């Protein structure tokens, strides 16, 4: 099944668990190693539409760069946040799984089951 993508970080236990759940359910997704090939701004914007989330909702506040870059400043525009996320992809919540026009943040990993439930 190649119409499913996972934005994957192999060092993340939630990402590994989500990939395992997909595979256990017969889904072989396209794996996007987003730390190696970060999404561009247009791709991020499209992902947010698919997720139904805002840019701040996919920022990892626990990453050291979040504080270092001052991303908790509410006066920062979305465009600035998109630029930071493109240059610091480790700040993106993971994993994100995309199927067609829909996407989910697989935190917890079991969230992915709703996305693939009708396969």
C-alpha atoms as a PDB file:
ATOM      1  CA  UNK A   1       0.000   0.000   0.000  1.00  0.00           C
ATOM      2  CA  UNK A   2       1.903   3.037  -1.216  1.00  0.00           C
ATOM      3  CA  UNK A   3      -0.675   5.784  -0.762  1.00  0.00           C
ATOM      4  CA  UNK A   4       0.283   6.197   2.883  1.00  0.00           C
ATOM      5  CA  UNK A   5       3.251   8.288   4.008  1.00  0.00           C
ATOM      6  CA  UNK A   6       4.861   8.545   7.405  1.00  0.00           C
ATOM      7  CA  UNK A   7       7.050  11.448   8.453  1.00  0.00           C
ATOM      8  CA  UNK A   8       9.386   9.299  10.459  1.00  0.00           C
ATOM      9  CA  UNK A   9      12.195   9.736  12.950  1.00  0.00           C
ATOM     10  CA  UNK A  10      13.748   6.313  13.609  1.00  0.00           C
ATOM     11  CA  UNK A  11      15.170   7.585  16.921  1.00  0.00           C
ATOM     12  CA  UNK A  12      11.663   8.317  18.249  1.00  0.00           C
ATOM     13  CA  UNK A  13       9.882   5.478  20.058  1.00  0.00           C
ATOM     14  CA  UNK A  14       6.414   6.797  19.067  1.00  0.00           C
ATOM     15  CA  UNK A  15       7.478   6.951  15.437  1.00  0.00           C
ATOM     16  CA  UNK A  16       8.888   3.420  15.535  1.00  0.00           C
ATOM     17  CA  UNK A  17       5.727   2.136  17.232  1.00  0.00           C
ATOM     18  CA  UNK A  18       3.526   3.813  14.613  1.00  0.00           C
ATOM     19  CA  UNK A  19       5.539   2.326  11.761  1.00  0.00           C
ATOM     20  CA  UNK A  20       5.274  -1.098  13.409  1.00  0.00           C
ATOM     21  CA  UNK A  21       1.484  -0.717  13.769  1.00  0.00           C
ATOM     22  CA  UNK A  22       1.188   0.180  10.098  1.00  0.00           C
ATOM     23  CA  UNK A  23       3.251  -2.827   9.067  1.00  0.00           C
ATOM     24  CA  UNK A  24       1.343  -5.159  11.433  1.00  0.00           C
ATOM     25  CA  UNK A  25      -1.812  -4.060   9.615  1.00  0.00           C
ATOM     26  CA  UNK A  26      -0.377  -4.832   6.188  1.00  0.00           C
ATOM     27  CA  UNK A  27       0.496  -1.242   5.297  1.00  0.00           C
ATOM     28  CA  UNK A  28       3.894  -0.571   3.780  1.00  0.00           C
ATOM     29  CA  UNK A  29       4.091   3.220   3.860  1.00  0.00           C
ATOM     30  CA  UNK A  30       6.363   5.570   2.014  1.00  0.00           C
ATOM     31  CA  UNK A  31       8.818   6.595   4.719  1.00  0.00           C
ATOM     32  CA  UNK A  32       9.886  10.219   4.753  1.00  0.00           C
ATOM     33  CA  UNK A  33      12.919  10.767   6.945  1.00  0.00           C
ATOM     34  CA  UNK A  34      12.019  14.381   7.588  1.00  0.00           C
ATOM     35  CA  UNK A  35      15.180  15.144   9.572  1.00  0.00           C
ATOM     36  CA  UNK A  36      17.244  14.327   6.478  1.00  0.00           C
ATOM     37  CA  UNK A  37      14.861  15.894   3.955  1.00  0.00           C
ATOM     38  CA  UNK A  38      12.759  18.471   5.805  1.00  0.00           C
ATOM     39  CA  UNK A  39       9.450  19.522   4.295  1.00  0.00           C
ATOM     40  CA  UNK A  40       9.394  22.945   2.680  1.00  0.00           C
ATOM     41  CA  UNK A  41       6.947  25.665   3.708  1.00  0.00           C
ATOM     42  CA  UNK A  42       4.333  24.679   1.114  1.00  0.00           C
ATOM     43  CA  UNK A  43       4.491  21.037   2.180  1.00  0.00           C
ATOM     44  CA  UNK A  44       4.149  22.059   5.848  1.00  0.00           C
ATOM     45  CA  UNK A  45       1.151  24.240   5.062  1.00  0.00           C
ATOM     46  CA  UNK A  46      -0.506  21.388   3.183  1.00  0.00           C
ATOM     47  CA  UNK A  47       0.189  19.020   6.084  1.00  0.00           C
ATOM     48  CA  UNK A  48      -1.430  21.420   8.526  1.00  0.00           C
ATOM     49  CA  UNK A  49      -4.550  21.622   6.365  1.00  0.00           C
ATOM     50  CA  UNK A  50      -4.690  17.821   6.251  1.00  0.00           C
ATOM     51  CA  UNK A  51      -4.149  17.629  10.011  1.00  0.00           C
ATOM     52  CA  UNK A  52      -6.618  20.397  10.775  1.00  0.00           C
ATOM     53  CA  UNK A  53      -4.033  21.947  13.109  1.00  0.00           C
ATOM     54  CA  UNK A  54      -2.210  25.233  13.450  1.00  0.00           C
ATOM     55  CA  UNK A  55       1.548  25.621  13.224  1.00  0.00           C
ATOM     56  CA  UNK A  56       1.980  26.025  16.988  1.00  0.00           C
ATOM     57  CA  UNK A  57       0.153  22.725  17.557  1.00  0.00           C
ATOM     58  CA  UNK A  58       2.864  20.729  15.809  1.00  0.00           C
ATOM     59  CA  UNK A  59       5.823  22.379  17.514  1.00  0.00           C
ATOM     60  CA  UNK A  60       7.703  20.231  20.006  1.00  0.00           C
ATOM     61  CA  UNK A  61       7.967  22.491  23.017  1.00  0.00           C
ATOM     62  CA  UNK A  62      10.268  20.020  24.771  1.00  0.00           C
ATOM     63  CA  UNK A  63      13.084  20.486  22.241  1.00  0.00           C
ATOM     64  CA  UNK A  64      15.941  22.732  23.446  1.00  0.00           C
ATOM     65  CA  UNK A  65      15.710  24.778  20.235  1.00  0.00           C
ATOM     66  CA  UNK A  66      12.148  25.784  21.101  1.00  0.00           C
ATOM     67  CA  UNK A  67      13.361  27.848  24.020  1.00  0.00           C
ATOM     68  CA  UNK A  68      16.669  28.868  22.422  1.00  0.00           C
ATOM     69  CA  UNK A  69      14.879  30.290  19.367  1.00  0.00           C
ATOM     70  CA  UNK A  70      12.255  32.015  21.514  1.00  0.00           C
ATOM     71  CA  UNK A  71       9.370  30.203  19.838  1.00  0.00           C
ATOM     72  CA  UNK A  72       7.163  30.690  22.874  1.00  0.00           C
ATOM     73  CA  UNK A  73       6.866  34.362  21.840  1.00  0.00           C
ATOM     74  CA  UNK A  74       3.221  34.762  20.787  1.00  0.00           C
ATOM     75  CA  UNK A  75       4.133  37.764  18.631  1.00  0.00           C
ATOM     76  CA  UNK A  76       6.022  35.544  16.151  1.00  0.00           C
ATOM     77  CA  UNK A  77       4.074  35.223  12.922  1.00  0.00           C
ATOM     78  CA  UNK A  78       3.130  31.881  11.413  1.00  0.00           C
ATOM     79  CA  UNK A  79       5.463  32.602   8.499  1.00  0.00           C
ATOM     80  CA  UNK A  80       8.415  32.945  10.878  1.00  0.00           C
ATOM     81  CA  UNK A  81       7.408  29.717  12.621  1.00  0.00           C
ATOM     82  CA  UNK A  82       7.231  27.925   9.250  1.00  0.00           C
ATOM     83  CA  UNK A  83      10.749  29.120   8.439  1.00  0.00           C
ATOM     84  CA  UNK A  84      12.065  27.902  11.795  1.00  0.00           C
ATOM     85  CA  UNK A  85      10.358  24.541  11.345  1.00  0.00           C
ATOM     86  CA  UNK A  86      11.883  24.105   7.888  1.00  0.00           C
ATOM     87  CA  UNK A  87      15.376  24.833   9.174  1.00  0.00           C
ATOM     88  CA  UNK A  88      14.919  22.969  12.473  1.00  0.00           C
ATOM     89  CA  UNK A  89      12.773  19.935  11.541  1.00  0.00           C
ATOM     90  CA  UNK A  90      13.423  18.303  14.933  1.00  0.00           C
ATOM     91  CA  UNK A  91      10.871  20.812  16.252  1.00  0.00           C
ATOM     92  CA  UNK A  92       8.042  19.039  14.383  1.00  0.00           C
ATOM     93  CA  UNK A  93       5.770  16.707  16.315  1.00  0.00           C
ATOM     94  CA  UNK A  94       6.045  13.167  15.067  1.00  0.00           C
ATOM     95  CA  UNK A  95       5.077  10.957  13.553  1.00  0.00           C
ATOM     96  CA  UNK A  96       2.676  12.399  11.042  1.00  0.00           C
ATOM     97  CA  UNK A  97       0.910   9.870   8.830  1.00  0.00           C
ATOM     98  CA  UNK A  98      -0.793  10.906   5.596  1.00  0.00           C
ATOM     99  CA  UNK A  99      -3.389   8.993   3.605  1.00  0.00           C
ATOM    100  CA  UNK A 100      -4.735  10.837   0.602  1.00  0.00           C
ATOM    101  CA  UNK A 101      -6.123  14.162   1.777  1.00  0.00           C
ATOM    102  CA  UNK A 102      -6.161  13.172   5.443  1.00  0.00           C
ATOM    103  CA  UNK A 103      -3.357  13.183   7.981  1.00  0.00           C
ATOM    104  CA  UNK A 104      -3.010  12.428  11.668  1.00  0.00           C
ATOM    105  CA  UNK A 105      -0.487  13.044  14.360  1.00  0.00           C
ATOM    106  CA  UNK A 106       0.164   9.553  15.691  1.00  0.00           C
ATOM    107  CA  UNK A 107       0.583  10.502  19.336  1.00  0.00           C
ATOM    108  CA  UNK A 108      -0.299   8.020  20.670  1.00  0.00           C
ATOM    109  CA  UNK A 109       0.659   5.588  17.891  1.00  0.00           C
ATOM    110  CA  UNK A 110      -2.790   3.967  18.028  1.00  0.00           C
ATOM    111  CA  UNK A 111      -4.220   7.122  16.416  1.00  0.00           C
ATOM    112  CA  UNK A 112      -3.014   5.715  13.117  1.00  0.00           C
ATOM    113  CA  UNK A 113      -5.607   2.922  13.301  1.00  0.00           C
ATOM    114  CA  UNK A 114      -8.414   5.426  12.636  1.00  0.00           C
ATOM    115  CA  UNK A 115      -6.626   6.518   9.467  1.00  0.00           C
ATOM    116  CA  UNK A 116      -6.174   2.992   8.097  1.00  0.00           C
ATOM    117  CA  UNK A 117      -9.295   1.407   9.577  1.00  0.00           C
ATOM    118  CA  UNK A 118     -11.174   1.072   6.265  1.00  0.00           C
ATOM    119  CA  UNK A 119      -8.340  -0.400   4.194  1.00  0.00           C
END
